[in-house]
PDB file of all heavy atoms in Angstrom:
ATOM      1  N   LYS A   1      -0.124 -26.261   4.294  1.00  0.00           N
ATOM      2  CA  LYS A   1      -0.831 -25.012   3.901  1.00  0.00           C
ATOM      3  C   LYS A   1       0.092 -24.043   3.295  1.00  0.00           C
ATOM      4  O   LYS A   1       1.284 -24.133   3.467  1.00  0.00           O
ATOM      5  CB  LYS A   1      -1.437 -24.402   5.174  1.00  0.00           C
ATOM      6  CG  LYS A   1      -2.468 -25.206   5.816  1.00  0.00           C
ATOM      7  CD  LYS A   1      -3.167 -24.455   7.004  1.00  0.00           C
ATOM      8  CE  LYS A   1      -4.332 -25.201   7.594  1.00  0.00           C
ATOM      9  NZ  LYS A   1      -5.037 -24.465   8.628  1.00  0.00           N
ATOM     10  N   GLU A   2      -0.504 -23.148   2.485  1.00  0.00           N
ATOM     11  CA  GLU A   2       0.151 -21.946   1.929  1.00  0.00           C
ATOM     12  C   GLU A   2       0.809 -21.070   2.970  1.00  0.00           C
ATOM     13  O   GLU A   2       0.122 -20.943   4.038  1.00  0.00           O
ATOM     14  CB  GLU A   2      -0.660 -21.209   0.966  1.00  0.00           C
ATOM     15  CG  GLU A   2      -1.159 -21.967  -0.293  1.00  0.00           C
ATOM     16  CD  GLU A   2      -0.033 -22.179  -1.224  1.00  0.00           C
ATOM     17  OE1 GLU A   2       0.702 -21.290  -1.593  1.00  0.00           O
ATOM     18  OE2 GLU A   2       0.213 -23.296  -1.768  1.00  0.00           O
ATOM     19  N   ARG A   3       1.851 -20.373   2.657  1.00  0.00           N
ATOM     20  CA  ARG A   3       2.311 -19.380   3.547  1.00  0.00           C
ATOM     21  C   ARG A   3       1.305 -18.282   3.581  1.00  0.00           C
ATOM     22  O   ARG A   3       0.848 -17.800   2.565  1.00  0.00           O
ATOM     23  CB  ARG A   3       3.735 -18.897   3.130  1.00  0.00           C
ATOM     24  CG  ARG A   3       4.362 -17.925   4.079  1.00  0.00           C
ATOM     25  CD  ARG A   3       5.890 -18.035   4.063  1.00  0.00           C
ATOM     26  NE  ARG A   3       6.447 -17.802   2.828  1.00  0.00           N
ATOM     27  CZ  ARG A   3       7.708 -17.886   2.537  1.00  0.00           C
ATOM     28  NH1 ARG A   3       8.575 -18.450   3.415  1.00  0.00           N
ATOM     29  NH2 ARG A   3       8.135 -17.655   1.216  1.00  0.00           N
ATOM     30  N   GLU A   4       1.063 -17.681   4.833  1.00  0.00           N
ATOM     31  CA  GLU A   4      -0.006 -16.709   4.948  1.00  0.00           C
ATOM     32  C   GLU A   4       0.542 -15.506   5.643  1.00  0.00           C
ATOM     33  O   GLU A   4       1.454 -15.546   6.567  1.00  0.00           O
ATOM     34  CB  GLU A   4      -1.169 -17.123   5.607  1.00  0.00           C
ATOM     35  CG  GLU A   4      -1.013 -17.633   7.115  1.00  0.00           C
ATOM     36  CD  GLU A   4      -2.241 -18.061   7.741  1.00  0.00           C
ATOM     37  OE1 GLU A   4      -3.355 -17.928   7.212  1.00  0.00           O
ATOM     38  OE2 GLU A   4      -2.176 -18.591   8.843  1.00  0.00           O
ATOM     39  N   PHE A   5      -0.060 -14.294   5.375  1.00  0.00           N
ATOM     40  CA  PHE A   5       0.388 -13.036   6.014  1.00  0.00           C
ATOM     41  C   PHE A   5      -0.075 -13.123   7.417  1.00  0.00           C
ATOM     42  O   PHE A   5      -1.247 -13.554   7.825  1.00  0.00           O
ATOM     43  CB  PHE A   5      -0.269 -12.001   5.197  1.00  0.00           C
ATOM     44  CG  PHE A   5      -0.179 -10.585   5.934  1.00  0.00           C
ATOM     45  CD1 PHE A   5       1.052  -9.907   5.882  1.00  0.00           C
ATOM     46  CD2 PHE A   5      -1.245 -10.017   6.591  1.00  0.00           C
ATOM     47  CE1 PHE A   5       1.117  -8.709   6.499  1.00  0.00           C
ATOM     48  CE2 PHE A   5      -1.134  -8.745   7.159  1.00  0.00           C
ATOM     49  CZ  PHE A   5       0.092  -8.156   7.247  1.00  0.00           C
ATOM     50  N   VAL A   6       0.847 -12.477   8.336  1.00  0.00           N
ATOM     51  CA  VAL A   6       0.401 -12.334   9.724  1.00  0.00           C
ATOM     52  C   VAL A   6       0.285 -10.886  10.097  1.00  0.00           C
ATOM     53  O   VAL A   6      -0.715 -10.375  10.570  1.00  0.00           O
ATOM     54  CB  VAL A   6       1.379 -13.115  10.616  1.00  0.00           C
ATOM     55  CG1 VAL A   6       1.080 -12.809  12.107  1.00  0.00           C
ATOM     56  CG2 VAL A   6       1.443 -14.545  10.303  1.00  0.00           C
ATOM     57  N   ALA A   7       1.318 -10.071   9.934  1.00  0.00           N
ATOM     58  CA  ALA A   7       1.406  -8.698  10.295  1.00  0.00           C
ATOM     59  C   ALA A   7       2.397  -8.010   9.468  1.00  0.00           C
ATOM     60  O   ALA A   7       3.434  -8.541   8.997  1.00  0.00           O
ATOM     61  CB  ALA A   7       1.635  -8.478  11.716  1.00  0.00           C
ATOM     62  N   ALA A   8       2.290  -6.624   9.424  1.00  0.00           N
ATOM     63  CA  ALA A   8       3.255  -5.826   8.778  1.00  0.00           C
ATOM     64  C   ALA A   8       3.373  -4.419   9.466  1.00  0.00           C
ATOM     65  O   ALA A   8       2.390  -3.952  10.056  1.00  0.00           O
ATOM     66  CB  ALA A   8       2.929  -5.561   7.306  1.00  0.00           C
ATOM     67  N   ILE A   9       4.461  -3.777   9.296  1.00  0.00           N
ATOM     68  CA  ILE A   9       4.738  -2.471   9.912  1.00  0.00           C
ATOM     69  C   ILE A   9       5.603  -1.602   8.971  1.00  0.00           C
ATOM     70  O   ILE A   9       6.528  -2.145   8.327  1.00  0.00           O
ATOM     71  CB  ILE A   9       5.378  -2.620  11.323  1.00  0.00           C
ATOM     72  CG1 ILE A   9       5.607  -1.413  12.129  1.00  0.00           C
ATOM     73  CG2 ILE A   9       6.799  -3.374  11.157  1.00  0.00           C
ATOM     74  CD1 ILE A   9       6.013  -1.552  13.579  1.00  0.00           C
ATOM     75  N   ASN A  10       5.282  -0.365   8.928  1.00  0.00           N
ATOM     76  CA  ASN A  10       6.004   0.484   8.005  1.00  0.00           C
ATOM     77  C   ASN A  10       7.370   1.068   8.769  1.00  0.00           C
ATOM     78  O   ASN A  10       7.603   0.556   9.895  1.00  0.00           O
ATOM     79  CB  ASN A  10       5.289   1.660   7.496  1.00  0.00           C
ATOM     80  CG  ASN A  10       4.991   2.739   8.488  1.00  0.00           C
ATOM     81  OD1 ASN A  10       5.016   2.453   9.730  1.00  0.00           O
ATOM     82  ND2 ASN A  10       4.764   3.969   8.102  1.00  0.00           N
ATOM     83  N   TRP A  11       8.111   1.930   8.141  1.00  0.00           N
ATOM     84  CA  TRP A  11       9.436   2.270   8.663  1.00  0.00           C
ATOM     85  C   TRP A  11       9.378   2.851  10.049  1.00  0.00           C
ATOM     86  O   TRP A  11      10.335   2.663  10.914  1.00  0.00           O
ATOM     87  CB  TRP A  11      10.063   3.237   7.751  1.00  0.00           C
ATOM     88  CG  TRP A  11       9.539   4.591   7.701  1.00  0.00           C
ATOM     89  CD1 TRP A  11       8.442   5.114   7.045  1.00  0.00           C
ATOM     90  CD2 TRP A  11      10.033   5.718   8.444  1.00  0.00           C
ATOM     91  NE1 TRP A  11       8.224   6.437   7.320  1.00  0.00           N
ATOM     92  CE2 TRP A  11       9.199   6.831   8.182  1.00  0.00           C
ATOM     93  CE3 TRP A  11      11.064   5.935   9.321  1.00  0.00           C
ATOM     94  CZ2 TRP A  11       9.472   8.047   8.773  1.00  0.00           C
ATOM     95  CZ3 TRP A  11      11.362   7.140   9.869  1.00  0.00           C
ATOM     96  CH2 TRP A  11      10.527   8.212   9.652  1.00  0.00           C
ATOM     97  N   ASN A  12       8.307   3.609  10.373  1.00  0.00           N
ATOM     98  CA  ASN A  12       8.348   4.306  11.714  1.00  0.00           C
ATOM     99  C   ASN A  12       7.218   3.738  12.641  1.00  0.00           C
ATOM    100  O   ASN A  12       7.028   4.266  13.713  1.00  0.00           O
ATOM    101  CB  ASN A  12       8.161   5.774  11.512  1.00  0.00           C
ATOM    102  CG  ASN A  12       6.872   6.201  10.911  1.00  0.00           C
ATOM    103  OD1 ASN A  12       6.088   5.434  10.520  1.00  0.00           O
ATOM    104  ND2 ASN A  12       6.637   7.606  10.918  1.00  0.00           N
ATOM    105  N   GLY A  13       6.552   2.705  12.269  1.00  0.00           N
ATOM    106  CA  GLY A  13       5.507   2.162  13.064  1.00  0.00           C
ATOM    107  C   GLY A  13       4.189   2.781  13.022  1.00  0.00           C
ATOM    108  O   GLY A  13       3.296   2.482  13.792  1.00  0.00           O
ATOM    109  N   SER A  14       3.998   3.877  12.127  1.00  0.00           N
ATOM    110  CA  SER A  14       2.818   4.562  12.083  1.00  0.00           C
ATOM    111  C   SER A  14       1.599   3.764  11.303  1.00  0.00           C
ATOM    112  O   SER A  14       0.535   4.166  11.412  1.00  0.00           O
ATOM    113  CB  SER A  14       2.997   5.917  11.471  1.00  0.00           C
ATOM    114  OG  SER A  14       3.446   5.828  10.042  1.00  0.00           O
ATOM    115  N   ARG A  15       2.055   2.785  10.588  1.00  0.00           N
ATOM    116  CA  ARG A  15       1.112   1.971   9.785  1.00  0.00           C
ATOM    117  C   ARG A  15       1.322   0.494  10.199  1.00  0.00           C
ATOM    118  O   ARG A  15       2.458  -0.004  10.127  1.00  0.00           O
ATOM    119  CB  ARG A  15       1.321   2.124   8.292  1.00  0.00           C
ATOM    120  CG  ARG A  15       1.035   3.584   7.800  1.00  0.00           C
ATOM    121  CD  ARG A  15       1.260   3.602   6.316  1.00  0.00           C
ATOM    122  NE  ARG A  15       0.827   4.990   5.794  1.00  0.00           N
ATOM    123  CZ  ARG A  15       0.986   5.323   4.544  1.00  0.00           C
ATOM    124  NH1 ARG A  15       1.483   4.525   3.606  1.00  0.00           N
ATOM    125  NH2 ARG A  15       0.628   6.553   4.155  1.00  0.00           N
ATOM    126  N   LEU A  16       0.295  -0.098  10.499  1.00  0.00           N
ATOM    127  CA  LEU A  16       0.260  -1.571  10.960  1.00  0.00           C
ATOM    128  C   LEU A  16      -0.907  -2.305  10.190  1.00  0.00           C
ATOM    129  O   LEU A  16      -1.919  -1.661   9.924  1.00  0.00           O
ATOM    130  CB  LEU A  16       0.010  -1.596  12.523  1.00  0.00           C
ATOM    131  CG  LEU A  16       0.915  -0.821  13.460  1.00  0.00           C
ATOM    132  CD1 LEU A  16       0.433  -0.913  14.872  1.00  0.00           C
ATOM    133  CD2 LEU A  16       2.345  -1.342  13.356  1.00  0.00           C
ATOM    134  N   ARG A  17      -0.620  -3.479  10.015  1.00  0.00           N
ATOM    135  CA  ARG A  17      -1.623  -4.276   9.401  1.00  0.00           C
ATOM    136  C   ARG A  17      -1.599  -5.763   9.949  1.00  0.00           C
ATOM    137  O   ARG A  17      -0.542  -6.246  10.106  1.00  0.00           O
ATOM    138  CB  ARG A  17      -1.646  -4.313   7.849  1.00  0.00           C
ATOM    139  CG  ARG A  17      -2.699  -5.113   7.205  1.00  0.00           C
ATOM    140  CD  ARG A  17      -2.779  -4.766   5.744  1.00  0.00           C
ATOM    141  NE  ARG A  17      -3.111  -3.417   5.480  1.00  0.00           N
ATOM    142  CZ  ARG A  17      -3.169  -2.877   4.361  1.00  0.00           C
ATOM    143  NH1 ARG A  17      -3.060  -3.593   3.289  1.00  0.00           N
ATOM    144  NH2 ARG A  17      -3.495  -1.508   4.210  1.00  0.00           N
ATOM    145  N   TYR A  18      -2.709  -6.305  10.149  1.00  0.00           N
ATOM    146  CA  TYR A  18      -2.773  -7.653  10.739  1.00  0.00           C
ATOM    147  C   TYR A  18      -3.826  -8.560  10.010  1.00  0.00           C
ATOM    148  O   TYR A  18      -4.798  -8.059   9.482  1.00  0.00           O
ATOM    149  CB  TYR A  18      -3.264  -7.622  12.247  1.00  0.00           C
ATOM    150  CG  TYR A  18      -2.285  -6.881  13.150  1.00  0.00           C
ATOM    151  CD1 TYR A  18      -2.508  -5.532  13.472  1.00  0.00           C
ATOM    152  CD2 TYR A  18      -1.205  -7.537  13.735  1.00  0.00           C
ATOM    153  CE1 TYR A  18      -1.719  -4.937  14.373  1.00  0.00           C
ATOM    154  CE2 TYR A  18      -0.346  -6.904  14.564  1.00  0.00           C
ATOM    155  CZ  TYR A  18      -0.606  -5.594  14.879  1.00  0.00           C
ATOM    156  OH  TYR A  18       0.259  -4.830  15.750  1.00  0.00           O
ATOM    157  N   ALA A  19      -3.453  -9.816   9.885  1.00  0.00           N
ATOM    158  CA  ALA A  19      -4.453 -10.839   9.472  1.00  0.00           C
ATOM    159  C   ALA A  19      -5.621 -10.808  10.413  1.00  0.00           C
ATOM    160  O   ALA A  19      -5.411 -10.692  11.600  1.00  0.00           O
ATOM    161  CB  ALA A  19      -3.837 -12.071   9.310  1.00  0.00           C
ATOM    162  N   ASP A  20      -6.775 -10.999   9.920  1.00  0.00           N
ATOM    163  CA  ASP A  20      -7.947 -11.107  10.790  1.00  0.00           C
ATOM    164  C   ASP A  20      -7.823 -12.193  11.930  1.00  0.00           C
ATOM    165  O   ASP A  20      -8.321 -12.049  12.911  1.00  0.00           O
ATOM    166  CB  ASP A  20      -9.214 -11.326   9.979  1.00  0.00           C
ATOM    167  CG  ASP A  20      -9.633 -10.211   9.153  1.00  0.00           C
ATOM    168  OD1 ASP A  20      -9.176  -9.034   9.452  1.00  0.00           O
ATOM    169  OD2 ASP A  20     -10.464 -10.379   8.158  1.00  0.00           O
ATOM    170  N   SER A  21      -7.164 -13.289  11.499  1.00  0.00           N
ATOM    171  CA  SER A  21      -7.038 -14.393  12.400  1.00  0.00           C
ATOM    172  C   SER A  21      -6.148 -14.127  13.679  1.00  0.00           C
ATOM    173  O   SER A  21      -6.248 -14.776  14.682  1.00  0.00           O
ATOM    174  CB  SER A  21      -6.460 -15.584  11.701  1.00  0.00           C
ATOM    175  OG  SER A  21      -5.178 -15.249  11.205  1.00  0.00           O
ATOM    176  N   VAL A  22      -5.336 -13.054  13.625  1.00  0.00           N
ATOM    177  CA  VAL A  22      -4.418 -12.668  14.740  1.00  0.00           C
ATOM    178  C   VAL A  22      -4.781 -11.281  15.365  1.00  0.00           C
ATOM    179  O   VAL A  22      -4.190 -10.956  16.340  1.00  0.00           O
ATOM    180  CB  VAL A  22      -2.945 -12.655  14.297  1.00  0.00           C
ATOM    181  CG1 VAL A  22      -2.652 -14.092  13.746  1.00  0.00           C
ATOM    182  CG2 VAL A  22      -2.638 -11.601  13.484  1.00  0.00           C
ATOM    183  N   LYS A  23      -5.609 -10.571  14.730  1.00  0.00           N
ATOM    184  CA  LYS A  23      -5.920  -9.256  15.259  1.00  0.00           C
ATOM    185  C   LYS A  23      -6.415  -9.258  16.676  1.00  0.00           C
ATOM    186  O   LYS A  23      -7.386 -10.097  16.977  1.00  0.00           O
ATOM    187  CB  LYS A  23      -6.900  -8.561  14.330  1.00  0.00           C
ATOM    188  CG  LYS A  23      -7.144  -7.074  14.599  1.00  0.00           C
ATOM    189  CD  LYS A  23      -8.001  -6.456  13.508  1.00  0.00           C
ATOM    190  CE  LYS A  23      -7.346  -6.488  12.131  1.00  0.00           C
ATOM    191  NZ  LYS A  23      -8.125  -5.764  11.089  1.00  0.00           N
ATOM    192  N   GLY A  24      -5.933  -8.323  17.461  1.00  0.00           N
ATOM    193  CA  GLY A  24      -6.322  -8.472  18.895  1.00  0.00           C
ATOM    194  C   GLY A  24      -5.481  -9.360  19.772  1.00  0.00           C
ATOM    195  O   GLY A  24      -5.464  -9.214  20.929  1.00  0.00           O
ATOM    196  N   ARG A  25      -4.780 -10.267  19.101  1.00  0.00           N
ATOM    197  CA  ARG A  25      -3.838 -11.102  19.920  1.00  0.00           C
ATOM    198  C   ARG A  25      -2.387 -10.952  19.721  1.00  0.00           C
ATOM    199  O   ARG A  25      -1.572 -11.115  20.539  1.00  0.00           O
ATOM    200  CB  ARG A  25      -4.125 -12.615  19.539  1.00  0.00           C
ATOM    201  CG  ARG A  25      -5.647 -13.027  19.812  1.00  0.00           C
ATOM    202  CD  ARG A  25      -5.855 -14.487  19.725  1.00  0.00           C
ATOM    203  NE  ARG A  25      -5.664 -14.963  18.295  1.00  0.00           N
ATOM    204  CZ  ARG A  25      -4.647 -15.773  17.891  1.00  0.00           C
ATOM    205  NH1 ARG A  25      -3.929 -16.365  18.727  1.00  0.00           N
ATOM    206  NH2 ARG A  25      -4.644 -16.050  16.641  1.00  0.00           N
ATOM    207  N   PHE A  26      -1.968 -10.629  18.525  1.00  0.00           N
ATOM    208  CA  PHE A  26      -0.631 -10.331  18.145  1.00  0.00           C
ATOM    209  C   PHE A  26      -0.408  -8.881  17.929  1.00  0.00           C
ATOM    210  O   PHE A  26      -1.293  -8.103  17.462  1.00  0.00           O
ATOM    211  CB  PHE A  26      -0.283 -11.029  16.763  1.00  0.00           C
ATOM    212  CG  PHE A  26      -0.286 -12.605  16.774  1.00  0.00           C
ATOM    213  CD1 PHE A  26      -0.723 -13.208  17.873  1.00  0.00           C
ATOM    214  CD2 PHE A  26       0.227 -13.250  15.665  1.00  0.00           C
ATOM    215  CE1 PHE A  26      -0.789 -14.608  17.975  1.00  0.00           C
ATOM    216  CE2 PHE A  26       0.159 -14.672  15.689  1.00  0.00           C
ATOM    217  CZ  PHE A  26      -0.277 -15.354  16.791  1.00  0.00           C
ATOM    218  N   THR A  27       0.854  -8.428  18.225  1.00  0.00           N
ATOM    219  CA  THR A  27       1.354  -7.157  18.050  1.00  0.00           C
ATOM    220  C   THR A  27       2.644  -7.089  17.379  1.00  0.00           C
ATOM    221  O   THR A  27       3.627  -7.683  17.812  1.00  0.00           O
ATOM    222  CB  THR A  27       1.415  -6.314  19.443  1.00  0.00           C
ATOM    223  OG1 THR A  27       0.162  -6.411  20.099  1.00  0.00           O
ATOM    224  CG2 THR A  27       1.769  -4.926  19.154  1.00  0.00           C
ATOM    225  N   ILE A  28       2.800  -6.386  16.207  1.00  0.00           N
ATOM    226  CA  ILE A  28       3.970  -6.256  15.563  1.00  0.00           C
ATOM    227  C   ILE A  28       4.643  -4.882  16.021  1.00  0.00           C
ATOM    228  O   ILE A  28       3.866  -3.888  16.209  1.00  0.00           O
ATOM    229  CB  ILE A  28       3.929  -6.184  14.006  1.00  0.00           C
ATOM    230  CG1 ILE A  28       5.260  -6.330  13.338  1.00  0.00           C
ATOM    231  CG2 ILE A  28       2.979  -5.093  13.488  1.00  0.00           C
ATOM    232  CD1 ILE A  28       5.255  -6.609  11.889  1.00  0.00           C
ATOM    233  N   SER A  29       5.911  -4.859  16.164  1.00  0.00           N
ATOM    234  CA  SER A  29       6.565  -3.677  16.584  1.00  0.00           C
ATOM    235  C   SER A  29       7.987  -3.663  16.095  1.00  0.00           C
ATOM    236  O   SER A  29       8.413  -4.701  15.570  1.00  0.00           O
ATOM    237  CB  SER A  29       6.577  -3.428  18.131  1.00  0.00           C
ATOM    238  OG  SER A  29       7.286  -4.519  18.753  1.00  0.00           O
ATOM    239  N   ARG A  30       8.644  -2.506  16.118  1.00  0.00           N
ATOM    240  CA  ARG A  30      10.051  -2.399  15.566  1.00  0.00           C
ATOM    241  C   ARG A  30      10.864  -1.431  16.528  1.00  0.00           C
ATOM    242  O   ARG A  30      10.235  -0.485  17.014  1.00  0.00           O
ATOM    243  CB  ARG A  30      10.202  -2.104  14.131  1.00  0.00           C
ATOM    244  CG  ARG A  30       9.812  -0.652  13.773  1.00  0.00           C
ATOM    245  CD  ARG A  30       9.688  -0.563  12.263  1.00  0.00           C
ATOM    246  NE  ARG A  30      10.839  -0.898  11.520  1.00  0.00           N
ATOM    247  CZ  ARG A  30      10.912  -1.148  10.195  1.00  0.00           C
ATOM    248  NH1 ARG A  30       9.747  -0.977   9.446  1.00  0.00           N
ATOM    249  NH2 ARG A  30      12.017  -1.443   9.595  1.00  0.00           N
ATOM    250  N   ASP A  31      12.068  -1.754  16.579  1.00  0.00           N
ATOM    251  CA  ASP A  31      12.967  -0.855  17.221  1.00  0.00           C
ATOM    252  C   ASP A  31      14.013  -0.287  16.227  1.00  0.00           C
ATOM    253  O   ASP A  31      14.828  -0.982  15.699  1.00  0.00           O
ATOM    254  CB  ASP A  31      13.807  -1.527  18.351  1.00  0.00           C
ATOM    255  CG  ASP A  31      14.645  -0.596  19.222  1.00  0.00           C
ATOM    256  OD1 ASP A  31      15.227   0.406  18.600  1.00  0.00           O
ATOM    257  OD2 ASP A  31      14.733  -0.821  20.392  1.00  0.00           O
ATOM    258  N   TYR A  32      13.723   0.862  15.686  1.00  0.00           N
ATOM    259  CA  TYR A  32      14.491   1.458  14.672  1.00  0.00           C
ATOM    260  C   TYR A  32      15.979   1.484  14.877  1.00  0.00           C
ATOM    261  O   TYR A  32      16.753   1.109  14.045  1.00  0.00           O
ATOM    262  CB  TYR A  32      13.950   2.908  14.396  1.00  0.00           C
ATOM    263  CG  TYR A  32      14.443   3.551  12.974  1.00  0.00           C
ATOM    264  CD1 TYR A  32      13.709   3.338  11.904  1.00  0.00           C
ATOM    265  CD2 TYR A  32      15.564   4.302  13.081  1.00  0.00           C
ATOM    266  CE1 TYR A  32      14.223   3.976  10.721  1.00  0.00           C
ATOM    267  CE2 TYR A  32      16.004   4.972  11.930  1.00  0.00           C
ATOM    268  CZ  TYR A  32      15.292   4.736  10.785  1.00  0.00           C
ATOM    269  OH  TYR A  32      15.777   5.401   9.617  1.00  0.00           O
ATOM    270  N   ALA A  33      16.370   1.907  16.024  1.00  0.00           N
ATOM    271  CA  ALA A  33      17.790   2.091  16.450  1.00  0.00           C
ATOM    272  C   ALA A  33      18.453   0.749  16.467  1.00  0.00           C
ATOM    273  O   ALA A  33      19.656   0.691  16.200  1.00  0.00           O
ATOM    274  CB  ALA A  33      17.873   2.775  17.779  1.00  0.00           C
ATOM    275  N   LYS A  34      17.789  -0.338  16.902  1.00  0.00           N
ATOM    276  CA  LYS A  34      18.348  -1.604  17.011  1.00  0.00           C
ATOM    277  C   LYS A  34      18.179  -2.438  15.759  1.00  0.00           C
ATOM    278  O   LYS A  34      18.690  -3.611  15.845  1.00  0.00           O
ATOM    279  CB  LYS A  34      17.930  -2.298  18.200  1.00  0.00           C
ATOM    280  CG  LYS A  34      18.193  -1.623  19.588  1.00  0.00           C
ATOM    281  CD  LYS A  34      17.608  -2.408  20.778  1.00  0.00           C
ATOM    282  CE  LYS A  34      17.891  -1.754  22.077  1.00  0.00           C
ATOM    283  NZ  LYS A  34      17.372  -2.460  23.193  1.00  0.00           N
ATOM    284  N   ASN A  35      17.614  -2.001  14.816  1.00  0.00           N
ATOM    285  CA  ASN A  35      17.281  -2.801  13.584  1.00  0.00           C
ATOM    286  C   ASN A  35      16.595  -4.164  13.978  1.00  0.00           C
ATOM    287  O   ASN A  35      16.894  -5.169  13.438  1.00  0.00           O
ATOM    288  CB  ASN A  35      18.577  -3.065  12.831  1.00  0.00           C
ATOM    289  CG  ASN A  35      19.177  -1.940  12.126  1.00  0.00           C
ATOM    290  OD1 ASN A  35      18.423  -0.883  11.970  1.00  0.00           O
ATOM    291  ND2 ASN A  35      20.300  -2.071  11.531  1.00  0.00           N
ATOM    292  N   MET A  36      15.573  -4.070  14.904  1.00  0.00           N
ATOM    293  CA  MET A  36      14.866  -5.218  15.315  1.00  0.00           C
ATOM    294  C   MET A  36      13.379  -5.081  15.038  1.00  0.00           C
ATOM    295  O   MET A  36      12.808  -4.038  15.121  1.00  0.00           O
ATOM    296  CB  MET A  36      15.034  -5.401  16.821  1.00  0.00           C
ATOM    297  CG  MET A  36      16.497  -5.717  17.217  1.00  0.00           C
ATOM    298  SD  MET A  36      17.035  -7.341  16.776  1.00  0.00           S
ATOM    299  CE  MET A  36      15.991  -8.351  17.785  1.00  0.00           C
ATOM    300  N   VAL A  37      12.757  -6.179  14.754  1.00  0.00           N
ATOM    301  CA  VAL A  37      11.330  -6.179  14.562  1.00  0.00           C
ATOM    302  C   VAL A  37      10.876  -7.385  15.473  1.00  0.00           C
ATOM    303  O   VAL A  37      11.454  -8.437  15.521  1.00  0.00           O
ATOM    304  CB  VAL A  37      10.935  -6.523  13.136  1.00  0.00           C
ATOM    305  CG1 VAL A  37       9.367  -6.627  12.879  1.00  0.00           C
ATOM    306  CG2 VAL A  37      11.562  -5.578  12.125  1.00  0.00           C
ATOM    307  N   TYR A  38       9.722  -7.188  16.051  1.00  0.00           N
ATOM    308  CA  TYR A  38       9.121  -8.156  16.938  1.00  0.00           C
ATOM    309  C   TYR A  38       7.667  -8.516  16.627  1.00  0.00           C
ATOM    310  O   TYR A  38       6.932  -7.819  16.013  1.00  0.00           O
ATOM    311  CB  TYR A  38       9.197  -7.606  18.300  1.00  0.00           C
ATOM    312  CG  TYR A  38      10.491  -6.996  18.841  1.00  0.00           C
ATOM    313  CD1 TYR A  38      10.824  -5.708  18.723  1.00  0.00           C
ATOM    314  CD2 TYR A  38      11.548  -7.882  19.329  1.00  0.00           C
ATOM    315  CE1 TYR A  38      12.024  -5.167  19.124  1.00  0.00           C
ATOM    316  CE2 TYR A  38      12.656  -7.375  19.779  1.00  0.00           C
ATOM    317  CZ  TYR A  38      12.944  -6.029  19.573  1.00  0.00           C
ATOM    318  OH  TYR A  38      14.170  -5.614  20.042  1.00  0.00           O
TER     319      TYR A  38
END
């Protein structure tokens, strides 16, 4: 299959976007201080 989008987050976490297939099940987050995305 083609690579597909799952989730995205902006610099401060105020904007989130999810693919319909994962919405409600997956959560994207980031720790700004630690340079980590989850």
